[in-house]
Amino acid sequence: METGQVMSVLREGVGVALKLGGPMLILSMAVGVLVAIFQAVTQIHEQTISFVLKLLVVVLVCTIGGGWMLTTLQEYTRELFTLMRG
């Protein structure tokens, strides 16, 4: 395997990781900011509120986009195995 191919595979791997993890991270950060604003306004400083809401958002994203995530990961894995086969 040449250096260019290795770099391409690594670049695609990072892209797949960003595609799969990005929606969960962005939505959980948005929920965290909204909860922090709500807690600052109401002066309620309970850490479990933020944790539970972020957990629910991540579970919801996995439930809604789980099929797409699995398909994306399968395609990347098949491509890797095809490259290994030669």
C-alpha atoms as a PDB file:
ATOM      1  CA  MET A   1       0.000   0.000   0.000  1.00  0.00           C
ATOM      2  CA  GLU A   2       1.391   3.363  -0.967  1.00  0.00           C
ATOM      3  CA  THR A   3       1.592   6.426   1.244  1.00  0.00           C
ATOM      4  CA  GLY A   4      -1.081   8.206  -0.768  1.00  0.00           C
ATOM      5  CA  GLN A   5      -3.522   5.343  -0.270  1.00  0.00           C
ATOM      6  CA  VAL A   6      -2.837   5.242   3.460  1.00  0.00           C
ATOM      7  CA  MET A   7      -3.450   8.972   3.747  1.00  0.00           C
ATOM      8  CA  SER A   8      -6.684   8.608   1.768  1.00  0.00           C
ATOM      9  CA  VAL A   9      -7.924   5.813   4.029  1.00  0.00           C
ATOM     10  CA  LEU A  10      -7.073   7.820   7.146  1.00  0.00           C
ATOM     11  CA  ARG A  11      -8.755  10.930   5.754  1.00  0.00           C
ATOM     12  CA  GLU A  12     -11.894   8.942   4.964  1.00  0.00           C
ATOM     13  CA  GLY A  13     -11.805   7.378   8.434  1.00  0.00           C
ATOM     14  CA  VAL A  14     -11.676  10.785  10.093  1.00  0.00           C
ATOM     15  CA  GLY A  15     -14.504  11.955   7.822  1.00  0.00           C
ATOM     16  CA  VAL A  16     -16.653   8.969   8.778  1.00  0.00           C
ATOM     17  CA  ALA A  17     -15.950   9.556  12.472  1.00  0.00           C
ATOM     18  CA  LEU A  18     -16.971  13.206  12.138  1.00  0.00           C
ATOM     19  CA  LYS A  19     -20.115  12.260  10.212  1.00  0.00           C
ATOM     20  CA  LEU A  20     -21.136   9.714  12.833  1.00  0.00           C
ATOM     21  CA  GLY A  21     -20.209  11.652  15.955  1.00  0.00           C
ATOM     22  CA  GLY A  22     -20.881  15.193  14.772  1.00  0.00           C
ATOM     23  CA  PRO A  23     -24.678  15.291  15.100  1.00  0.00           C
ATOM     24  CA  MET A  24     -24.601  13.868  18.617  1.00  0.00           C
ATOM     25  CA  LEU A  25     -21.868  16.237  19.751  1.00  0.00           C
ATOM     26  CA  ILE A  26     -23.421  19.346  18.220  1.00  0.00           C
ATOM     27  CA  LEU A  27     -26.898  18.646  19.582  1.00  0.00           C
ATOM     28  CA  SER A  28     -25.640  17.720  23.055  1.00  0.00           C
ATOM     29  CA  MET A  29     -23.552  20.912  23.169  1.00  0.00           C
ATOM     30  CA  ALA A  30     -26.579  22.970  22.108  1.00  0.00           C
ATOM     31  CA  VAL A  31     -28.693  21.343  24.822  1.00  0.00           C
ATOM     32  CA  GLY A  32     -25.917  21.995  27.342  1.00  0.00           C
ATOM     33  CA  VAL A  33     -25.814  25.693  26.443  1.00  0.00           C
ATOM     34  CA  LEU A  34     -29.603  26.017  26.623  1.00  0.00           C
ATOM     35  CA  VAL A  35     -29.718  24.260  29.992  1.00  0.00           C
ATOM     36  CA  ALA A  36     -26.875  26.456  31.289  1.00  0.00           C
ATOM     37  CA  ILE A  37     -28.776  29.585  30.234  1.00  0.00           C
ATOM     38  CA  PHE A  38     -31.950  28.247  31.873  1.00  0.00           C
ATOM     39  CA  GLN A  39     -30.056  27.422  35.063  1.00  0.00           C
ATOM     40  CA  ALA A  40     -28.428  30.842  35.145  1.00  0.00           C
ATOM     41  CA  VAL A  41     -31.785  32.580  34.744  1.00  0.00           C
ATOM     42  CA  THR A  42     -33.588  30.469  37.334  1.00  0.00           C
ATOM     43  CA  GLN A  43     -30.566  30.070  39.637  1.00  0.00           C
ATOM     44  CA  ILE A  44     -31.091  26.312  39.754  1.00  0.00           C
ATOM     45  CA  HIS A  45     -27.668  24.687  39.814  1.00  0.00           C
ATOM     46  CA  GLU A  46     -28.435  21.000  39.530  1.00  0.00           C
ATOM     47  CA  GLN A  47     -25.928  19.033  37.454  1.00  0.00           C
ATOM     48  CA  THR A  48     -28.187  16.065  36.762  1.00  0.00           C
ATOM     49  CA  ILE A  49     -30.615  18.172  34.700  1.00  0.00           C
ATOM     50  CA  SER A  50     -27.972  18.854  32.078  1.00  0.00           C
ATOM     51  CA  PHE A  51     -26.707  15.269  32.113  1.00  0.00           C
ATOM     52  CA  VAL A  52     -30.137  13.689  31.727  1.00  0.00           C
ATOM     53  CA  LEU A  53     -31.171  16.011  28.893  1.00  0.00           C
ATOM     54  CA  LYS A  54     -27.902  15.443  27.025  1.00  0.00           C
ATOM     55  CA  LEU A  55     -28.302  11.693  27.468  1.00  0.00           C
ATOM     56  CA  LEU A  56     -31.846  11.849  26.096  1.00  0.00           C
ATOM     57  CA  VAL A  57     -30.668  13.847  23.072  1.00  0.00           C
ATOM     58  CA  VAL A  58     -27.903  11.340  22.318  1.00  0.00           C
ATOM     59  CA  VAL A  59     -30.306   8.413  22.632  1.00  0.00           C
ATOM     60  CA  LEU A  60     -32.820  10.198  20.390  1.00  0.00           C
ATOM     61  CA  VAL A  61     -30.171  10.908  17.735  1.00  0.00           C
ATOM     62  CA  CYS A  62     -29.011   7.291  17.851  1.00  0.00           C
ATOM     63  CA  THR A  63     -32.601   6.087  17.541  1.00  0.00           C
ATOM     64  CA  ILE A  64     -33.432   8.356  14.618  1.00  0.00           C
ATOM     65  CA  GLY A  65     -30.124   8.184  12.760  1.00  0.00           C
ATOM     66  CA  GLY A  66     -28.935   4.749  13.817  1.00  0.00           C
ATOM     67  CA  GLY A  67     -29.731   3.107  10.492  1.00  0.00           C
ATOM     68  CA  TRP A  68     -27.883   5.778   8.542  1.00  0.00           C
ATOM     69  CA  MET A  69     -24.921   5.553  10.940  1.00  0.00           C
ATOM     70  CA  LEU A  70     -24.754   1.776  10.574  1.00  0.00           C
ATOM     71  CA  THR A  71     -24.969   1.979   6.791  1.00  0.00           C
ATOM     72  CA  THR A  72     -22.186   4.584   6.655  1.00  0.00           C
ATOM     73  CA  LEU A  73     -19.939   2.482   8.875  1.00  0.00           C
ATOM     74  CA  GLN A  74     -20.650  -0.668   6.858  1.00  0.00           C
ATOM     75  CA  GLU A  75     -19.783   1.055   3.585  1.00  0.00           C
ATOM     76  CA  TYR A  76     -16.481   2.309   4.997  1.00  0.00           C
ATOM     77  CA  THR A  77     -15.651  -1.133   6.404  1.00  0.00           C
ATOM     78  CA  ARG A  78     -16.429  -2.826   3.083  1.00  0.00           C
ATOM     79  CA  GLU A  79     -14.193  -0.327   1.308  1.00  0.00           C
ATOM     80  CA  LEU A  80     -11.359  -1.089   3.738  1.00  0.00           C
ATOM     81  CA  PHE A  81     -11.720  -4.826   3.210  1.00  0.00           C
ATOM     82  CA  THR A  82     -11.765  -4.314  -0.543  1.00  0.00           C
ATOM     83  CA  LEU A  83      -8.511  -2.357  -0.310  1.00  0.00           C
ATOM     84  CA  MET A  84      -6.945  -5.068   1.877  1.00  0.00           C
ATOM     85  CA  ARG A  85      -7.925  -7.783  -0.579  1.00  0.00           C
ATOM     86  CA  GLY A  86      -5.939  -5.996  -3.168  1.00  0.00           C
END
